[in-house]
N, C-alpha and C. Protein backbone atom coordinates (compact mmCIF):
# COMPACT_ATOMS: atom_id res chain seq x y z
N MET A 1 17.16 3.32 -12.12
CA MET A 1 16.22 3.54 -10.79
C MET A 1 14.93 3.60 -11.14
N TYR A 2 13.97 3.12 -10.47
CA TYR A 2 12.63 3.42 -11.36
C TYR A 2 12.06 4.95 -11.47
N GLY A 3 11.77 5.27 -12.40
CA GLY A 3 11.43 6.81 -12.38
C GLY A 3 12.40 7.70 -13.02
N GLU A 4 13.46 6.97 -13.23
CA GLU A 4 14.57 7.96 -13.97
C GLU A 4 14.11 8.35 -15.26
N GLN A 5 14.40 9.51 -15.83
CA GLN A 5 13.81 9.97 -17.12
C GLN A 5 14.98 10.04 -18.03
N SER A 6 14.78 9.93 -19.19
CA SER A 6 15.86 10.32 -20.11
C SER A 6 15.93 11.54 -20.47
N GLN A 7 16.56 11.68 -21.60
CA GLN A 7 16.89 13.20 -21.98
C GLN A 7 15.62 13.47 -23.15
N THR A 8 15.49 12.73 -23.94
CA THR A 8 14.39 12.87 -25.12
C THR A 8 13.26 12.13 -24.51
N LYS A 9 11.96 12.91 -25.10
CA LYS A 9 10.42 12.03 -24.91
C LYS A 9 10.53 10.86 -25.43
N ALA A 10 11.24 10.68 -26.58
CA ALA A 10 11.05 9.61 -26.99
C ALA A 10 11.39 8.56 -26.71
N GLU A 11 12.63 8.34 -25.60
CA GLU A 11 13.20 7.46 -25.26
C GLU A 11 12.80 7.06 -23.97
N ARG A 12 11.78 7.99 -23.26
CA ARG A 12 11.22 7.87 -22.08
C ARG A 12 10.31 6.38 -21.90
N GLU A 13 10.46 5.28 -21.04
CA GLU A 13 9.68 4.21 -21.18
C GLU A 13 8.22 4.49 -20.35
N SER A 14 7.39 3.20 -20.71
CA SER A 14 6.09 3.69 -20.15
C SER A 14 6.11 2.78 -18.49
N PRO A 15 5.18 3.53 -18.13
CA PRO A 15 5.34 2.80 -16.15
C PRO A 15 5.37 1.47 -16.26
N GLU A 16 5.06 0.99 -17.33
CA GLU A 16 4.49 -0.63 -17.41
C GLU A 16 5.92 -1.30 -17.71
N ILE A 17 6.87 -1.11 -18.55
CA ILE A 17 8.10 -1.30 -18.98
C ILE A 17 9.11 -0.92 -17.78
N MET A 18 9.19 0.12 -16.75
CA MET A 18 9.92 0.21 -15.88
C MET A 18 9.44 -0.51 -14.73
N THR A 19 8.43 -0.58 -14.46
CA THR A 19 7.95 -1.77 -13.42
C THR A 19 8.38 -3.41 -13.69
N ALA A 20 8.12 -3.60 -15.22
CA ALA A 20 8.80 -4.90 -15.35
C ALA A 20 10.38 -5.33 -15.05
N ARG A 21 11.04 -3.98 -15.40
CA ARG A 21 12.19 -4.09 -15.57
C ARG A 21 13.18 -4.13 -13.79
N MET A 22 12.15 -3.81 -12.84
CA MET A 22 12.23 -3.76 -11.44
C MET A 22 11.66 -4.91 -10.60
N PHE A 23 11.11 -5.83 -11.36
CA PHE A 23 10.24 -6.96 -10.73
C PHE A 23 11.32 -7.88 -9.83
N PRO A 24 12.49 -8.08 -10.61
CA PRO A 24 13.64 -8.78 -9.41
C PRO A 24 14.10 -8.24 -8.23
N ALA A 25 14.17 -6.77 -8.29
CA ALA A 25 14.58 -6.13 -7.35
C ALA A 25 13.26 -5.86 -6.25
N TYR A 26 12.03 -5.64 -6.86
CA TYR A 26 11.28 -5.92 -6.05
C TYR A 26 10.97 -7.15 -5.21
N ARG A 27 11.30 -8.29 -5.73
CA ARG A 27 11.15 -9.57 -5.06
C ARG A 27 12.22 -9.78 -4.05
N LYS A 28 13.22 -9.16 -4.65
CA LYS A 28 14.49 -9.48 -3.23
C LYS A 28 13.90 -8.43 -2.02
N ILE A 29 13.10 -7.26 -2.25
CA ILE A 29 13.00 -6.32 -1.19
C ILE A 29 11.75 -7.18 -0.47
N PHE A 30 10.70 -7.54 -1.28
CA PHE A 30 9.75 -8.18 -0.59
C PHE A 30 10.21 -9.55 0.26
N ASP A 31 10.87 -10.03 -0.43
CA ASP A 31 11.24 -11.33 0.29
C ASP A 31 12.22 -10.86 1.96
N LEU A 32 12.89 -9.45 1.93
CA LEU A 32 14.08 -9.32 2.92
C LEU A 32 12.71 -8.53 4.02
N VAL A 33 11.68 -7.78 3.44
CA VAL A 33 10.93 -7.34 4.26
C VAL A 33 10.05 -8.37 4.96
N ARG A 34 9.50 -9.38 4.14
CA ARG A 34 9.06 -10.60 4.93
C ARG A 34 9.56 -10.91 6.20
N LYS A 35 10.81 -11.60 5.71
CA LYS A 35 11.61 -12.06 6.75
C LYS A 35 11.94 -11.25 7.91
N LEU A 36 12.36 -10.10 7.73
CA LEU A 36 12.26 -8.94 8.69
C LEU A 36 11.25 -9.07 9.77
N MET A 37 9.93 -8.68 8.82
CA MET A 37 8.80 -8.89 9.85
C MET A 37 8.74 -9.98 10.46
N SER A 38 9.01 -11.25 10.25
CA SER A 38 8.88 -12.49 10.77
C SER A 38 9.46 -12.63 12.17
N TYR A 39 10.85 -11.76 11.60
CA TYR A 39 11.64 -12.06 13.01
C TYR A 39 11.30 -10.71 14.14
N VAL A 40 11.11 -9.71 13.51
CA VAL A 40 10.82 -8.86 14.59
C VAL A 40 9.44 -9.38 15.54
N GLU A 41 8.30 -9.67 15.05
CA GLU A 41 7.19 -10.20 15.30
C GLU A 41 7.69 -11.52 16.32
N ASN A 42 8.60 -12.57 15.71
CA ASN A 42 9.03 -13.46 16.72
C ASN A 42 9.39 -12.85 18.03
N LEU A 43 10.50 -12.14 17.85
CA LEU A 43 11.60 -11.44 18.63
C LEU A 43 10.51 -10.80 20.11
N VAL A 44 9.45 -10.07 19.35
CA VAL A 44 8.63 -9.42 20.52
C VAL A 44 7.70 -10.23 21.23
N VAL A 45 7.17 -11.40 20.70
CA VAL A 45 6.60 -12.23 21.22
C VAL A 45 7.36 -13.15 22.48
N GLN A 46 8.68 -13.43 21.93
CA GLN A 46 9.63 -14.02 22.99
C GLN A 46 9.81 -13.05 23.96
N LEU A 47 10.32 -12.01 23.80
CA LEU A 47 10.56 -11.08 24.99
C LEU A 47 9.54 -10.76 25.85
N HIS A 48 8.53 -10.66 25.32
CA HIS A 48 7.28 -10.58 25.85
C HIS A 48 7.02 -12.04 27.09
N SER A 49 6.88 -12.81 26.18
CA SER A 49 6.66 -14.08 27.30
C SER A 49 7.89 -14.30 28.49
N ILE A 50 9.13 -13.75 28.06
CA ILE A 50 10.48 -13.88 28.90
C ILE A 50 10.06 -12.56 30.26
N LEU A 51 10.02 -11.36 29.44
CA LEU A 51 9.64 -10.51 30.55
C LEU A 51 8.24 -10.39 31.37
N ASN A 52 7.48 -11.18 31.03
CA ASN A 52 6.10 -10.94 31.30
C ASN A 52 6.50 -11.50 32.98
N ARG A 53 5.96 -10.57 33.88
CA ARG A 53 6.61 -10.80 35.69
C ARG A 53 5.65 -11.78 36.00
N LYS A 54 4.11 -12.08 35.41
CA LYS A 54 3.51 -13.06 35.91
C LYS A 54 3.92 -14.55 35.91
N GLN A 55 4.85 -14.60 35.14
CA GLN A 55 5.37 -15.83 34.90
C GLN A 55 6.36 -16.42 36.21
N PRO A 56 6.15 -17.40 36.82
CA PRO A 56 7.07 -17.84 38.04
C PRO A 56 8.70 -17.51 37.54
N ASN A 57 8.86 -18.24 36.47
CA ASN A 57 10.37 -17.87 36.17
C ASN A 57 11.21 -16.89 35.92
N PHE A 58 10.35 -15.84 35.71
CA PHE A 58 11.03 -14.33 35.56
C PHE A 58 11.71 -14.12 36.63
N LYS A 59 11.54 -14.47 37.92
CA LYS A 59 12.27 -14.11 38.96
C LYS A 59 13.60 -15.07 39.33
N SER A 60 13.54 -16.07 39.03
CA SER A 60 14.34 -17.21 39.04
C SER A 60 15.74 -16.72 37.63
N PHE A 61 14.99 -16.95 36.54
CA PHE A 61 16.21 -17.00 35.29
C PHE A 61 16.35 -15.55 34.72
N PHE A 62 15.46 -14.87 34.48
CA PHE A 62 15.90 -13.53 33.34
C PHE A 62 15.90 -11.98 34.56
N LYS A 63 15.81 -11.97 35.71
CA LYS A 63 15.87 -10.74 36.37
C LYS A 63 17.16 -9.97 35.98
N GLY A 64 18.17 -10.65 36.12
CA GLY A 64 19.54 -10.02 36.20
C GLY A 64 20.12 -10.07 34.96
N ILE A 65 19.57 -10.37 33.69
CA ILE A 65 19.96 -10.46 32.16
C ILE A 65 19.83 -9.18 31.44
N ASN A 66 20.78 -8.96 30.75
CA ASN A 66 21.05 -7.72 29.58
C ASN A 66 20.55 -7.96 28.41
N PHE A 67 19.47 -7.43 28.24
CA PHE A 67 18.60 -7.26 26.83
C PHE A 67 18.99 -6.55 26.18
N ASP A 68 20.01 -5.74 26.13
CA ASP A 68 21.05 -4.60 25.01
C ASP A 68 20.97 -5.34 23.71
N PHE A 69 21.59 -6.16 23.88
CA PHE A 69 21.86 -6.94 22.45
C PHE A 69 20.58 -7.33 21.55
N VAL A 70 19.63 -7.65 22.38
CA VAL A 70 18.55 -7.95 21.65
C VAL A 70 17.67 -7.11 20.92
N ILE A 71 17.51 -6.00 21.98
CA ILE A 71 16.88 -4.80 21.43
C ILE A 71 17.51 -3.94 20.62
N ASN A 72 19.18 -4.09 20.63
CA ASN A 72 19.71 -3.21 19.36
C ASN A 72 19.45 -4.01 17.89
N ILE A 73 19.61 -5.49 17.98
CA ILE A 73 19.03 -6.02 16.95
C ILE A 73 17.64 -5.60 16.31
N LEU A 74 16.77 -5.17 17.13
CA LEU A 74 15.31 -5.25 17.02
C LEU A 74 15.24 -3.92 16.23
N GLY A 75 15.90 -3.13 16.86
CA GLY A 75 15.94 -1.59 16.47
C GLY A 75 16.43 -1.43 14.90
N ARG A 76 17.50 -2.19 14.78
CA ARG A 76 18.34 -2.36 13.52
C ARG A 76 17.08 -2.95 12.27
N ALA A 77 16.46 -3.70 12.66
CA ALA A 77 15.63 -4.71 11.87
C ALA A 77 14.53 -3.51 11.74
N LEU A 78 13.58 -2.79 12.28
CA LEU A 78 12.94 -1.81 12.43
C LEU A 78 13.43 -0.78 11.75
N ARG A 79 14.51 -0.35 11.62
CA ARG A 79 15.31 0.66 10.93
C ARG A 79 15.32 0.64 9.73
N SER A 80 15.80 -0.95 9.19
CA SER A 80 15.72 -1.24 7.84
C SER A 80 14.34 -1.23 7.10
N ILE A 81 13.54 -1.92 8.16
CA ILE A 81 11.84 -1.55 7.35
C ILE A 81 11.30 -0.30 7.25
N TYR A 82 11.78 0.67 7.78
CA TYR A 82 11.59 2.24 7.87
C TYR A 82 12.03 2.56 6.75
N THR A 83 13.31 2.14 6.32
CA THR A 83 13.80 2.88 5.56
C THR A 83 13.42 2.46 4.02
N ILE A 84 12.95 1.34 3.84
CA ILE A 84 12.66 0.83 2.66
C ILE A 84 11.20 1.39 2.38
N ASP A 85 10.36 1.68 3.20
CA ASP A 85 9.17 2.39 3.40
C ASP A 85 9.12 3.74 3.25
N ALA A 86 10.25 3.99 3.68
CA ALA A 86 10.31 5.71 3.32
C ALA A 86 10.99 6.09 1.77
N ILE A 87 11.76 5.05 1.24
CA ILE A 87 12.14 5.06 -0.20
C ILE A 87 11.21 5.11 -1.07
N VAL A 88 10.18 4.13 -0.90
CA VAL A 88 9.04 3.60 -1.51
C VAL A 88 7.94 5.04 -1.38
N MET A 89 7.99 5.77 -0.16
CA MET A 89 6.86 6.76 0.00
C MET A 89 7.49 8.04 -0.82
N ASN A 90 9.02 8.37 -0.80
CA ASN A 90 9.46 9.49 -1.23
C ASN A 90 9.74 9.36 -2.98
N ASN A 91 9.44 8.43 -3.17
CA ASN A 91 9.83 8.14 -4.94
C ASN A 91 8.12 8.48 -5.44
N PRO A 92 8.09 9.76 -6.19
CA PRO A 92 6.28 9.89 -6.72
C PRO A 92 6.35 9.20 -8.03
N CYS A 93 6.99 8.51 -8.60
CA CYS A 93 6.79 7.81 -9.62
C CYS A 93 6.41 6.35 -9.33
N ILE A 94 6.95 5.89 -7.95
CA ILE A 94 6.31 4.52 -7.89
C ILE A 94 4.79 4.84 -7.16
N GLU A 95 4.59 5.90 -6.54
CA GLU A 95 3.13 6.30 -6.08
C GLU A 95 2.81 6.37 -7.02
N LYS A 96 2.98 7.28 -8.23
CA LYS A 96 1.81 7.58 -9.28
C LYS A 96 1.32 6.32 -9.93
N ASP A 97 2.64 5.61 -10.53
CA ASP A 97 2.45 4.43 -11.44
C ASP A 97 1.57 3.15 -10.50
N TRP A 98 1.74 3.02 -9.78
CA TRP A 98 1.13 1.99 -9.10
C TRP A 98 -0.16 2.22 -8.44
N GLU A 99 -0.74 3.80 -8.66
CA GLU A 99 -2.11 3.86 -8.35
C GLU A 99 -3.05 3.41 -9.34
């Protein structure tokens, strides 16, 4: 894991080496967050257009529909993004080395 220290000072890697070793993981995390943010944004825009009461189709099509599943998926996506953000913020090595 990024920032883990070895027992001896001679074995400690520089921040540049640790960062280079983590690039594949950072890329996967970046791709995941980018996809999640795109899905969340799209879902919020679609929900807004569906639930806009000024639209004439709202009363006839969507008045009695239960949106629990959609809101549950939205919450899970936001929770994943928050978890990744908390991991980065709570790792002092990442914060210190990237400044």
